[in-house]
Amino acid sequence: MNPTFRPLVKVLGLSKSYGRRRVLNQLEFDVASGSGLVVKGSNGSGKTTLLEILATISRPDEGLIEVCGTNISDCLLYTSPSPRDGL
């Protein structure tokens, strides 16, 4: 890997649970500028949860998300509770 490579999106150790159900477990990936990412899986496997976290609609339980080198892990765009939060 190029030592000067800086990904557009970097995800490290991303985890999220709903109660006792863990839907993301230590997920890690990089997305380079100009590239794409495909997310596929069965129903309930965490695809929507991942997209909500990346869109800052939901917070991860653990992990780091960087966009253009800026940590967005604790950012929330939308703060109303989700029905999945059990609130």
PDB file of N, CA and C in Angstrom:
ATOM      1  N   MET A   1       0.843  -1.181   0.000  1.00  0.00           N
ATOM      2  CA  MET A   1       0.000   0.000   0.000  1.00  0.00           C
ATOM      3  C   MET A   1       0.887   1.243   0.000  1.00  0.00           C
ATOM      4  N   ASN A   2       0.439   2.238  -0.686  1.00  0.00           N
ATOM      5  CA  ASN A   2       1.137   3.520  -0.766  1.00  0.00           C
ATOM      6  C   ASN A   2       1.138   4.193   0.610  1.00  0.00           C
ATOM      7  N   PRO A   3       2.315   4.551   1.151  1.00  0.00           N
ATOM      8  CA  PRO A   3       2.351   5.162   2.486  1.00  0.00           C
ATOM      9  C   PRO A   3       1.678   6.530   2.556  1.00  0.00           C
ATOM     10  N   THR A   4       1.455   7.190   1.430  1.00  0.00           N
ATOM     11  CA  THR A   4       0.775   8.490   1.438  1.00  0.00           C
ATOM     12  C   THR A   4      -0.719   8.349   1.163  1.00  0.00           C
ATOM     13  N   PHE A   5      -1.204   7.120   0.984  1.00  0.00           N
ATOM     14  CA  PHE A   5      -2.621   6.882   0.722  1.00  0.00           C
ATOM     15  C   PHE A   5      -3.452   7.337   1.913  1.00  0.00           C
ATOM     16  N   ARG A   6      -4.436   8.165   1.656  1.00  0.00           N
ATOM     17  CA  ARG A   6      -5.378   8.593   2.682  1.00  0.00           C
ATOM     18  C   ARG A   6      -6.779   8.301   2.164  1.00  0.00           C
ATOM     19  N   PRO A   7      -7.469   7.348   2.779  1.00  0.00           N
ATOM     20  CA  PRO A   7      -8.796   6.992   2.282  1.00  0.00           C
ATOM     21  C   PRO A   7      -9.806   8.119   2.476  1.00  0.00           C
ATOM     22  N   LEU A   8     -10.806   8.139   1.609  1.00  0.00           N
ATOM     23  CA  LEU A   8     -11.908   9.080   1.750  1.00  0.00           C
ATOM     24  C   LEU A   8     -12.717   8.726   3.001  1.00  0.00           C
ATOM     25  N   VAL A   9     -12.991   7.424   3.171  1.00  0.00           N
ATOM     26  CA  VAL A   9     -13.705   6.916   4.345  1.00  0.00           C
ATOM     27  C   VAL A   9     -12.878   5.797   4.956  1.00  0.00           C
ATOM     28  N   LYS A  10     -12.694   5.848   6.266  1.00  0.00           N
ATOM     29  CA  LYS A  10     -11.952   4.807   6.985  1.00  0.00           C
ATOM     30  C   LYS A  10     -12.811   4.367   8.165  1.00  0.00           C
ATOM     31  N   VAL A  11     -13.029   3.060   8.268  1.00  0.00           N
ATOM     32  CA  VAL A  11     -13.810   2.490   9.360  1.00  0.00           C
ATOM     33  C   VAL A  11     -12.929   1.477  10.090  1.00  0.00           C
ATOM     34  N   LEU A  12     -12.819   1.632  11.409  1.00  0.00           N
ATOM     35  CA  LEU A  12     -11.988   0.744  12.229  1.00  0.00           C
ATOM     36  C   LEU A  12     -12.765   0.248  13.439  1.00  0.00           C
ATOM     37  N   GLY A  13     -12.882  -1.055  13.596  1.00  0.00           N
ATOM     38  CA  GLY A  13     -13.471  -1.655  14.787  1.00  0.00           C
ATOM     39  C   GLY A  13     -14.907  -1.270  15.056  1.00  0.00           C
ATOM     40  N   LEU A  14     -15.704  -1.085  14.008  1.00  0.00           N
ATOM     41  CA  LEU A  14     -17.084  -0.624  14.152  1.00  0.00           C
ATOM     42  C   LEU A  14     -17.980  -1.749  14.668  1.00  0.00           C
ATOM     43  N   SER A  15     -18.668  -1.484  15.775  1.00  0.00           N
ATOM     44  CA  SER A  15     -19.597  -2.450  16.358  1.00  0.00           C
ATOM     45  C   SER A  15     -20.881  -1.744  16.763  1.00  0.00           C
ATOM     46  N   LYS A  16     -21.995  -2.463  16.652  1.00  0.00           N
ATOM     47  CA  LYS A  16     -23.298  -1.933  17.058  1.00  0.00           C
ATOM     48  C   LYS A  16     -24.189  -3.096  17.459  1.00  0.00           C
ATOM     49  N   SER A  17     -24.870  -2.923  18.583  1.00  0.00           N
ATOM     50  CA  SER A  17     -25.817  -3.925  19.065  1.00  0.00           C
ATOM     51  C   SER A  17     -27.153  -3.268  19.331  1.00  0.00           C
ATOM     52  N   TYR A  18     -28.199  -4.061  19.205  1.00  0.00           N
ATOM     53  CA  TYR A  18     -29.547  -3.672  19.622  1.00  0.00           C
ATOM     54  C   TYR A  18     -29.929  -4.665  20.703  1.00  0.00           C
ATOM     55  N   GLY A  19     -29.845  -4.224  21.940  1.00  0.00           N
ATOM     56  CA  GLY A  19     -30.058  -5.151  23.045  1.00  0.00           C
ATOM     57  C   GLY A  19     -28.959  -6.208  23.041  1.00  0.00           C
ATOM     58  N   ARG A  20     -29.337  -7.457  23.031  1.00  0.00           N
ATOM     59  CA  ARG A  20     -28.360  -8.552  23.020  1.00  0.00           C
ATOM     60  C   ARG A  20     -27.957  -8.965  21.611  1.00  0.00           C
ATOM     61  N   ARG A  21     -28.590  -8.374  20.581  1.00  0.00           N
ATOM     62  CA  ARG A  21     -28.299  -8.743  19.198  1.00  0.00           C
ATOM     63  C   ARG A  21     -27.222  -7.825  18.622  1.00  0.00           C
ATOM     64  N   ARG A  22     -26.055  -8.392  18.356  1.00  0.00           N
ATOM     65  CA  ARG A  22     -24.952  -7.625  17.761  1.00  0.00           C
ATOM     66  C   ARG A  22     -25.071  -7.740  16.241  1.00  0.00           C
ATOM     67  N   VAL A  23     -25.253  -6.590  15.575  1.00  0.00           N
ATOM     68  CA  VAL A  23     -25.426  -6.593  14.121  1.00  0.00           C
ATOM     69  C   VAL A  23     -24.157  -6.193  13.383  1.00  0.00           C
ATOM     70  N   LEU A  24     -23.267  -5.449  14.026  1.00  0.00           N
ATOM     71  CA  LEU A  24     -21.950  -5.141  13.454  1.00  0.00           C
ATOM     72  C   LEU A  24     -20.903  -5.519  14.498  1.00  0.00           C
ATOM     73  N   ASN A  25     -19.879  -6.247  14.065  1.00  0.00           N
ATOM     74  CA  ASN A  25     -18.878  -6.748  15.000  1.00  0.00           C
ATOM     75  C   ASN A  25     -17.471  -6.471  14.474  1.00  0.00           C
ATOM     76  N   GLN A  26     -16.859  -5.401  14.979  1.00  0.00           N
ATOM     77  CA  GLN A  26     -15.478  -5.056  14.641  1.00  0.00           C
ATOM     78  C   GLN A  26     -15.249  -4.931  13.126  1.00  0.00           C
ATOM     79  N   LEU A  27     -16.174  -4.263  12.447  1.00  0.00           N
ATOM     80  CA  LEU A  27     -16.094  -4.058  10.999  1.00  0.00           C
ATOM     81  C   LEU A  27     -14.981  -3.072  10.664  1.00  0.00           C
ATOM     82  N   GLU A  28     -14.172  -3.400   9.645  1.00  0.00           N
ATOM     83  CA  GLU A  28     -13.086  -2.522   9.206  1.00  0.00           C
ATOM     84  C   GLU A  28     -13.011  -2.494   7.681  1.00  0.00           C
ATOM     85  N   PHE A  29     -12.902  -1.268   7.129  1.00  0.00           N
ATOM     86  CA  PHE A  29     -12.698  -1.111   5.695  1.00  0.00           C
ATOM     87  C   PHE A  29     -12.282   0.319   5.392  1.00  0.00           C
ATOM     88  N   ASP A  30     -11.702   0.510   4.213  1.00  0.00           N
ATOM     89  CA  ASP A  30     -11.349   1.825   3.675  1.00  0.00           C
ATOM     90  C   ASP A  30     -12.036   1.983   2.336  1.00  0.00           C
ATOM     91  N   VAL A  31     -12.415   3.198   2.013  1.00  0.00           N
ATOM     92  CA  VAL A  31     -12.945   3.509   0.688  1.00  0.00           C
ATOM     93  C   VAL A  31     -12.112   4.655   0.132  1.00  0.00           C
ATOM     94  N   ALA A  32     -11.441   4.403  -0.984  1.00  0.00           N
ATOM     95  CA  ALA A  32     -10.609   5.420  -1.622  1.00  0.00           C
ATOM     96  C   ALA A  32     -11.470   6.363  -2.449  1.00  0.00           C
ATOM     97  N   SER A  33     -11.008   7.563  -2.614  1.00  0.00           N
ATOM     98  CA  SER A  33     -11.687   8.534  -3.461  1.00  0.00           C
ATOM     99  C   SER A  33     -11.831   7.966  -4.870  1.00  0.00           C
ATOM    100  N   GLY A  34     -13.008   8.100  -5.448  1.00  0.00           N
ATOM    101  CA  GLY A  34     -13.256   7.607  -6.799  1.00  0.00           C
ATOM    102  C   GLY A  34     -13.624   6.139  -6.880  1.00  0.00           C
ATOM    103  N   SER A  35     -13.679   5.455  -5.737  1.00  0.00           N
ATOM    104  CA  SER A  35     -14.048   4.035  -5.746  1.00  0.00           C
ATOM    105  C   SER A  35     -15.430   3.863  -5.133  1.00  0.00           C
ATOM    106  N   GLY A  36     -15.923   2.653  -5.177  1.00  0.00           N
ATOM    107  CA  GLY A  36     -17.236   2.357  -4.631  1.00  0.00           C
ATOM    108  C   GLY A  36     -17.149   1.232  -3.628  1.00  0.00           C
ATOM    109  N   LEU A  37     -18.254   0.982  -2.953  1.00  0.00           N
ATOM    110  CA  LEU A  37     -18.347  -0.077  -1.970  1.00  0.00           C
ATOM    111  C   LEU A  37     -19.708  -0.725  -2.104  1.00  0.00           C
ATOM    112  N   VAL A  38     -19.737  -2.042  -2.136  1.00  0.00           N
ATOM    113  CA  VAL A  38     -20.988  -2.792  -2.174  1.00  0.00           C
ATOM    114  C   VAL A  38     -21.185  -3.428  -0.812  1.00  0.00           C
ATOM    115  N   VAL A  39     -22.381  -3.280  -0.264  1.00  0.00           N
ATOM    116  CA  VAL A  39     -22.721  -3.895   1.013  1.00  0.00           C
ATOM    117  C   VAL A  39     -23.853  -4.862   0.749  1.00  0.00           C
ATOM    118  N   LYS A  40     -23.605  -6.138   1.011  1.00  0.00           N
ATOM    119  CA  LYS A  40     -24.662  -7.122   0.797  1.00  0.00           C
ATOM    120  C   LYS A  40     -24.698  -8.092   1.962  1.00  0.00           C
ATOM    121  N   GLY A  41     -25.846  -8.657   2.183  1.00  0.00           N
ATOM    122  CA  GLY A  41     -26.015  -9.607   3.275  1.00  0.00           C
ATOM    123  C   GLY A  41     -27.479  -9.944   3.435  1.00  0.00           C
ATOM    124  N   SER A  42     -27.742 -10.884   4.297  1.00  0.00           N
ATOM    125  CA  SER A  42     -29.115 -11.323   4.513  1.00  0.00           C
ATOM    126  C   SER A  42     -29.885 -10.299   5.345  1.00  0.00           C
ATOM    127  N   ASN A  43     -31.205 -10.482   5.427  1.00  0.00           N
ATOM    128  CA  ASN A  43     -32.041  -9.600   6.247  1.00  0.00           C
ATOM    129  C   ASN A  43     -31.549  -9.627   7.686  1.00  0.00           C
ATOM    130  N   GLY A  44     -31.447  -8.450   8.281  1.00  0.00           N
ATOM    131  CA  GLY A  44     -31.034  -8.355   9.676  1.00  0.00           C
ATOM    132  C   GLY A  44     -29.545  -8.464   9.914  1.00  0.00           C
ATOM    133  N   SER A  45     -28.755  -8.401   8.854  1.00  0.00           N
ATOM    134  CA  SER A  45     -27.309  -8.584   9.019  1.00  0.00           C
ATOM    135  C   SER A  45     -26.553  -7.286   9.290  1.00  0.00           C
ATOM    136  N   GLY A  46     -27.232  -6.129   9.271  1.00  0.00           N
ATOM    137  CA  GLY A  46     -26.587  -4.878   9.644  1.00  0.00           C
ATOM    138  C   GLY A  46     -26.335  -3.894   8.517  1.00  0.00           C
ATOM    139  N   LYS A  47     -26.847  -4.156   7.324  1.00  0.00           N
ATOM    140  CA  LYS A  47     -26.615  -3.254   6.187  1.00  0.00           C
ATOM    141  C   LYS A  47     -27.184  -1.863   6.452  1.00  0.00           C
ATOM    142  N   THR A  48     -28.428  -1.786   6.849  1.00  0.00           N
ATOM    143  CA  THR A  48     -29.061  -0.498   7.112  1.00  0.00           C
ATOM    144  C   THR A  48     -28.412   0.178   8.306  1.00  0.00           C
ATOM    145  N   THR A  49     -28.074  -0.578   9.323  1.00  0.00           N
ATOM    146  CA  THR A  49     -27.397  -0.024  10.489  1.00  0.00           C
ATOM    147  C   THR A  49     -26.075   0.617  10.085  1.00  0.00           C
ATOM    148  N   LEU A  50     -25.303  -0.060   9.248  1.00  0.00           N
ATOM    149  CA  LEU A  50     -24.035   0.500   8.769  1.00  0.00           C
ATOM    150  C   LEU A  50     -24.274   1.816   8.039  1.00  0.00           C
ATOM    151  N   LEU A  51     -25.245   1.849   7.142  1.00  0.00           N
ATOM    152  CA  LEU A  51     -25.534   3.079   6.392  1.00  0.00           C
ATOM    153  C   LEU A  51     -26.021   4.196   7.313  1.00  0.00           C
ATOM    154  N   GLU A  52     -26.826   3.867   8.323  1.00  0.00           N
ATOM    155  CA  GLU A  52     -27.282   4.888   9.275  1.00  0.00           C
ATOM    156  C   GLU A  52     -26.115   5.471  10.063  1.00  0.00           C
ATOM    157  N   ILE A  53     -25.155   4.624  10.429  1.00  0.00           N
ATOM    158  CA  ILE A  53     -23.987   5.104  11.166  1.00  0.00           C
ATOM    159  C   ILE A  53     -23.120   5.983  10.261  1.00  0.00           C
ATOM    160  N   LEU A  54     -22.888   5.550   9.031  1.00  0.00           N
ATOM    161  CA  LEU A  54     -22.080   6.340   8.106  1.00  0.00           C
ATOM    162  C   LEU A  54     -22.743   7.673   7.771  1.00  0.00           C
ATOM    163  N   ALA A  55     -24.080   7.699   7.778  1.00  0.00           N
ATOM    164  CA  ALA A  55     -24.826   8.927   7.495  1.00  0.00           C
ATOM    165  C   ALA A  55     -25.008   9.784   8.757  1.00  0.00           C
ATOM    166  N   THR A  56     -24.445   9.359   9.864  1.00  0.00           N
ATOM    167  CA  THR A  56     -24.534  10.015  11.173  1.00  0.00           C
ATOM    168  C   THR A  56     -25.969  10.132  11.680  1.00  0.00           C
ATOM    169  N   ILE A  57     -26.784   9.154  11.330  1.00  0.00           N
ATOM    170  CA  ILE A  57     -28.153   9.081  11.846  1.00  0.00           C
ATOM    171  C   ILE A  57     -28.159   8.261  13.133  1.00  0.00           C
ATOM    172  N   SER A  58     -27.177   7.403  13.293  1.00  0.00           N
ATOM    173  CA  SER A  58     -27.045   6.550  14.469  1.00  0.00           C
ATOM    174  C   SER A  58     -25.575   6.524  14.884  1.00  0.00           C
ATOM    175  N   ARG A  59     -25.317   6.283  16.151  1.00  0.00           N
ATOM    176  CA  ARG A  59     -23.941   6.191  16.652  1.00  0.00           C
ATOM    177  C   ARG A  59     -23.538   4.733  16.805  1.00  0.00           C
ATOM    178  N   PRO A  60     -22.278   4.425  16.536  1.00  0.00           N
ATOM    179  CA  PRO A  60     -21.798   3.069  16.814  1.00  0.00           C
ATOM    180  C   PRO A  60     -21.590   2.888  18.317  1.00  0.00           C
ATOM    181  N   ASP A  61     -21.617   1.626  18.767  1.00  0.00           N
ATOM    182  CA  ASP A  61     -21.269   1.334  20.161  1.00  0.00           C
ATOM    183  C   ASP A  61     -19.760   1.441  20.358  1.00  0.00           C
ATOM    184  N   GLU A  62     -19.018   1.036  19.344  1.00  0.00           N
ATOM    185  CA  GLU A  62     -17.554   1.085  19.373  1.00  0.00           C
ATOM    186  C   GLU A  62     -17.067   1.408  17.975  1.00  0.00           C
ATOM    187  N   GLY A  63     -15.836   1.868  17.895  1.00  0.00           N
ATOM    188  CA  GLY A  63     -15.199   2.036  16.606  1.00  0.00           C
ATOM    189  C   GLY A  63     -14.954   3.476  16.213  1.00  0.00           C
ATOM    190  N   LEU A  64     -14.248   3.606  15.115  1.00  0.00           N
ATOM    191  CA  LEU A  64     -13.837   4.898  14.581  1.00  0.00           C
ATOM    192  C   LEU A  64     -14.280   5.010  13.135  1.00  0.00           C
ATOM    193  N   ILE A  65     -14.839   6.168  12.798  1.00  0.00           N
ATOM    194  CA  ILE A  65     -15.194   6.471  11.411  1.00  0.00           C
ATOM    195  C   ILE A  65     -14.550   7.795  11.068  1.00  0.00           C
ATOM    196  N   GLU A  66     -13.752   7.797  10.021  1.00  0.00           N
ATOM    197  CA  GLU A  66     -13.140   9.037   9.540  1.00  0.00           C
ATOM    198  C   GLU A  66     -13.591   9.293   8.118  1.00  0.00           C
ATOM    199  N   VAL A  67     -13.925  10.547   7.835  1.00  0.00           N
ATOM    200  CA  VAL A  67     -14.246  10.989   6.482  1.00  0.00           C
ATOM    201  C   VAL A  67     -13.284  12.128   6.175  1.00  0.00           C
ATOM    202  N   CYS A  68     -12.482  11.950   5.137  1.00  0.00           N
ATOM    203  CA  CYS A  68     -11.448  12.927   4.771  1.00  0.00           C
ATOM    204  C   CYS A  68     -10.540  13.252   5.958  1.00  0.00           C
ATOM    205  N   GLY A  69     -10.254  12.250   6.788  1.00  0.00           N
ATOM    206  CA  GLY A  69      -9.363  12.431   7.919  1.00  0.00           C
ATOM    207  C   GLY A  69     -10.002  13.007   9.169  1.00  0.00           C
ATOM    208  N   THR A  70     -11.301  13.312   9.123  1.00  0.00           N
ATOM    209  CA  THR A  70     -12.007  13.871  10.275  1.00  0.00           C
ATOM    210  C   THR A  70     -12.842  12.799  10.951  1.00  0.00           C
ATOM    211  N   ASN A  71     -12.683  12.648  12.249  1.00  0.00           N
ATOM    212  CA  ASN A  71     -13.440  11.661  13.012  1.00  0.00           C
ATOM    213  C   ASN A  71     -14.895  12.103  13.107  1.00  0.00           C
ATOM    214  N   ILE A  72     -15.819  11.275  12.615  1.00  0.00           N
ATOM    215  CA  ILE A  72     -17.251  11.577  12.699  1.00  0.00           C
ATOM    216  C   ILE A  72     -17.978  10.570  13.584  1.00  0.00           C
ATOM    217  N   SER A  73     -17.250   9.754  14.325  1.00  0.00           N
ATOM    218  CA  SER A  73     -17.844   8.683  15.126  1.00  0.00           C
ATOM    219  C   SER A  73     -18.889   9.182  16.113  1.00  0.00           C
ATOM    220  N   ASP A  74     -18.699  10.375  16.667  1.00  0.00           N
ATOM    221  CA  ASP A  74     -19.620  10.899  17.674  1.00  0.00           C
ATOM    222  C   ASP A  74     -20.601  11.924  17.125  1.00  0.00           C
ATOM    223  N   CYS A  75     -20.607  12.117  15.818  1.00  0.00           N
ATOM    224  CA  CYS A  75     -21.513  13.097  15.211  1.00  0.00           C
ATOM    225  C   CYS A  75     -22.889  12.484  15.010  1.00  0.00           C
ATOM    226  N   LEU A  76     -23.912  13.280  15.246  1.00  0.00           N
ATOM    227  CA  LEU A  76     -25.279  12.861  14.948  1.00  0.00           C
ATOM    228  C   LEU A  76     -25.973  13.959  14.172  1.00  0.00           C
ATOM    229  N   LEU A  77     -26.489  13.596  13.003  1.00  0.00           N
ATOM    230  CA  LEU A  77     -27.244  14.525  12.186  1.00  0.00           C
ATOM    231  C   LEU A  77     -28.691  14.590  12.660  1.00  0.00           C
ATOM    232  N   TYR A  78     -29.233  13.445  13.044  1.00  0.00           N
ATOM    233  CA  TYR A  78     -30.626  13.332  13.428  1.00  0.00           C
ATOM    234  C   TYR A  78     -30.675  12.674  14.795  1.00  0.00           C
ATOM    235  N   THR A  79     -31.342  13.291  15.771  1.00  0.00           N
ATOM    236  CA  THR A  79     -31.244  12.802  17.140  1.00  0.00           C
ATOM    237  C   THR A  79     -32.512  12.178  17.707  1.00  0.00           C
ATOM    238  N   SER A  80     -33.616  12.116  16.965  1.00  0.00           N
ATOM    239  CA  SER A  80     -34.807  11.472  17.489  1.00  0.00           C
ATOM    240  C   SER A  80     -34.546   9.974  17.643  1.00  0.00           C
ATOM    241  N   PRO A  81     -35.099   9.360  18.687  1.00  0.00           N
ATOM    242  CA  PRO A  81     -34.837   7.932  18.892  1.00  0.00           C
ATOM    243  C   PRO A  81     -35.456   7.076  17.790  1.00  0.00           C
ATOM    244  N   SER A  82     -34.766   6.009  17.488  1.00  0.00           N
ATOM    245  CA  SER A  82     -35.261   5.018  16.540  1.00  0.00           C
ATOM    246  C   SER A  82     -36.102   3.991  17.293  1.00  0.00           C
ATOM    247  N   PRO A  83     -37.126   3.420  16.659  1.00  0.00           N
ATOM    248  CA  PRO A  83     -37.882   2.352  17.316  1.00  0.00           C
ATOM    249  C   PRO A  83     -36.978   1.190  17.737  1.00  0.00           C
ATOM    250  N   ARG A  84     -35.862   1.003  17.012  1.00  0.00           N
ATOM    251  CA  ARG A  84     -34.931  -0.073  17.348  1.00  0.00           C
ATOM    252  C   ARG A  84     -34.154   0.206  18.632  1.00  0.00           C
ATOM    253  N   ASP A  85     -34.117   1.467  19.078  1.00  0.00           N
ATOM    254  CA  ASP A  85     -33.399   1.801  20.291  1.00  0.00           C
ATOM    255  C   ASP A  85     -34.164   1.365  21.549  1.00  0.00           C
ATOM    256  N   GLY A  86     -35.430   0.974  21.376  1.00  0.00           N
ATOM    257  CA  GLY A  86     -36.227   0.515  22.510  1.00  0.00           C
ATOM    258  C   GLY A  86     -36.660   1.635  23.430  1.00  0.00           C
ATOM    259  N   LEU A  87     -36.699   2.854  22.913  1.00  0.00           N
ATOM    260  CA  LEU A  87     -37.096   4.003  23.758  1.00  0.00           C
ATOM    261  C   LEU A  87     -38.555   4.333  23.583  1.00  0.00           C
TER     262      LEU A  87
END
